[in-house]
């Protein structure tokens, strides 16, 4: 019983000792990080809800994603 008690006390002492020396380490920061911050743009609802206009048919060059909504098919063209 004495040995278990002594081992437990020794482990607690070593844990406290190691934690107390941990705070003495100096931070030598050699790297800087930069972050982008996005700021929200507020728009009035009537400016945002512009009616969709239709154009005459034209040839598609670089197609993107295809969307199905109600009875319509929307195909977007990249960068246009």
C-alpha atoms as a PDB file:
ATOM      1  CA  UNK A   1       0.000   0.000   0.000  1.00  0.00           C
ATOM      2  CA  UNK A   2       2.882   2.339   0.791  1.00  0.00           C
ATOM      3  CA  UNK A   3       4.422   1.769  -2.645  1.00  0.00           C
ATOM      4  CA  UNK A   4       1.184   2.662  -4.476  1.00  0.00           C
ATOM      5  CA  UNK A   5       0.806   5.785  -2.350  1.00  0.00           C
ATOM      6  CA  UNK A   6       4.402   6.799  -3.003  1.00  0.00           C
ATOM      7  CA  UNK A   7       4.050   6.195  -6.760  1.00  0.00           C
ATOM      8  CA  UNK A   8       0.861   8.256  -6.894  1.00  0.00           C
ATOM      9  CA  UNK A   9       2.491  11.153  -5.037  1.00  0.00           C
ATOM     10  CA  UNK A  10       5.530  10.955  -7.275  1.00  0.00           C
ATOM     11  CA  UNK A  11       3.382  11.023 -10.424  1.00  0.00           C
ATOM     12  CA  UNK A  12       1.419  14.022  -9.169  1.00  0.00           C
ATOM     13  CA  UNK A  13       4.643  15.823  -8.287  1.00  0.00           C
ATOM     14  CA  UNK A  14       6.147  15.124 -11.729  1.00  0.00           C
ATOM     15  CA  UNK A  15       2.967  16.301 -13.465  1.00  0.00           C
ATOM     16  CA  UNK A  16       2.945  19.571 -11.508  1.00  0.00           C
ATOM     17  CA  UNK A  17       6.659  20.040 -12.115  1.00  0.00           C
ATOM     18  CA  UNK A  18       6.366  19.474 -15.864  1.00  0.00           C
ATOM     19  CA  UNK A  19       3.368  21.830 -16.137  1.00  0.00           C
ATOM     20  CA  UNK A  20       5.169  24.570 -14.228  1.00  0.00           C
ATOM     21  CA  UNK A  21       8.160  24.479 -16.613  1.00  0.00           C
ATOM     22  CA  UNK A  22       5.888  24.464 -19.644  1.00  0.00           C
ATOM     23  CA  UNK A  23       5.005  28.142 -19.158  1.00  0.00           C
ATOM     24  CA  UNK A  24       8.670  29.180 -19.359  1.00  0.00           C
ATOM     25  CA  UNK A  25       8.934  28.410 -23.070  1.00  0.00           C
ATOM     26  CA  UNK A  26       9.275  31.428 -25.330  1.00  0.00           C
ATOM     27  CA  UNK A  27       7.304  31.715 -28.546  1.00  0.00           C
ATOM     28  CA  UNK A  28       9.521  32.424 -31.523  1.00  0.00           C
ATOM     29  CA  UNK A  29       6.923  33.226 -34.167  1.00  0.00           C
ATOM     30  CA  UNK A  30       8.530  33.034 -37.590  1.00  0.00           C
ATOM     31  CA  UNK A  31       5.378  33.021 -39.703  1.00  0.00           C
ATOM     32  CA  UNK A  32       2.800  35.705 -40.367  1.00  0.00           C
ATOM     33  CA  UNK A  33      -0.638  34.838 -41.643  1.00  0.00           C
ATOM     34  CA  UNK A  34      -2.945  37.189 -43.468  1.00  0.00           C
ATOM     35  CA  UNK A  35      -6.663  36.687 -43.831  1.00  0.00           C
ATOM     36  CA  UNK A  36      -9.196  38.149 -46.206  1.00  0.00           C
ATOM     37  CA  UNK A  37     -12.192  39.766 -44.623  1.00  0.00           C
ATOM     38  CA  UNK A  38     -15.392  40.040 -46.588  1.00  0.00           C
ATOM     39  CA  UNK A  39     -17.703  42.932 -45.904  1.00  0.00           C
ATOM     40  CA  UNK A  40     -21.426  42.498 -46.584  1.00  0.00           C
ATOM     41  CA  UNK A  41     -23.040  44.612 -49.271  1.00  0.00           C
ATOM     42  CA  UNK A  42     -26.573  45.638 -48.435  1.00  0.00           C
ATOM     43  CA  UNK A  43     -29.040  46.094 -51.287  1.00  0.00           C
ATOM     44  CA  UNK A  44     -32.659  47.143 -51.235  1.00  0.00           C
ATOM     45  CA  UNK A  45     -35.042  44.275 -52.159  1.00  0.00           C
ATOM     46  CA  UNK A  46     -36.445  46.143 -55.155  1.00  0.00           C
ATOM     47  CA  UNK A  47     -32.909  46.559 -56.560  1.00  0.00           C
ATOM     48  CA  UNK A  48     -32.171  42.873 -56.066  1.00  0.00           C
ATOM     49  CA  UNK A  49     -35.378  41.496 -57.570  1.00  0.00           C
ATOM     50  CA  UNK A  50     -34.887  42.564 -61.152  1.00  0.00           C
ATOM     51  CA  UNK A  51     -37.182  40.767 -63.615  1.00  0.00           C
ATOM     52  CA  UNK A  52     -35.580  38.106 -65.798  1.00  0.00           C
ATOM     53  CA  UNK A  53     -35.238  39.111 -69.422  1.00  0.00           C
ATOM     54  CA  UNK A  54     -35.207  36.749 -72.354  1.00  0.00           C
ATOM     55  CA  UNK A  55     -32.947  36.940 -75.373  1.00  0.00           C
ATOM     56  CA  UNK A  56     -33.089  35.482 -78.832  1.00  0.00           C
ATOM     57  CA  UNK A  57     -31.541  32.001 -79.206  1.00  0.00           C
ATOM     58  CA  UNK A  58     -27.778  31.787 -79.732  1.00  0.00           C
ATOM     59  CA  UNK A  59     -25.108  29.106 -79.983  1.00  0.00           C
ATOM     60  CA  UNK A  60     -23.665  27.860 -76.696  1.00  0.00           C
ATOM     61  CA  UNK A  61     -19.883  27.837 -76.424  1.00  0.00           C
ATOM     62  CA  UNK A  62     -18.867  26.719 -72.929  1.00  0.00           C
ATOM     63  CA  UNK A  63     -21.805  25.341 -70.995  1.00  0.00           C
ATOM     64  CA  UNK A  64     -21.909  25.137 -67.230  1.00  0.00           C
ATOM     65  CA  UNK A  65     -24.475  23.672 -64.893  1.00  0.00           C
ATOM     66  CA  UNK A  66     -28.019  22.756 -65.862  1.00  0.00           C
ATOM     67  CA  UNK A  67     -30.889  23.679 -63.550  1.00  0.00           C
ATOM     68  CA  UNK A  68     -34.502  22.465 -63.652  1.00  0.00           C
ATOM     69  CA  UNK A  69     -37.090  24.780 -62.092  1.00  0.00           C
ATOM     70  CA  UNK A  70     -40.841  24.284 -62.499  1.00  0.00           C
ATOM     71  CA  UNK A  71     -41.350  23.795 -66.246  1.00  0.00           C
ATOM     72  CA  UNK A  72     -38.128  25.525 -67.272  1.00  0.00           C
ATOM     73  CA  UNK A  73     -34.557  24.423 -67.959  1.00  0.00           C
ATOM     74  CA  UNK A  74     -31.755  26.880 -67.195  1.00  0.00           C
ATOM     75  CA  UNK A  75     -28.287  26.319 -68.619  1.00  0.00           C
ATOM     76  CA  UNK A  76     -25.614  28.787 -67.650  1.00  0.00           C
ATOM     77  CA  UNK A  77     -22.601  29.629 -69.750  1.00  0.00           C
ATOM     78  CA  UNK A  78     -19.263  30.036 -68.031  1.00  0.00           C
ATOM     79  CA  UNK A  79     -18.022  33.619 -67.602  1.00  0.00           C
ATOM     80  CA  UNK A  80     -21.107  35.144 -69.283  1.00  0.00           C
END
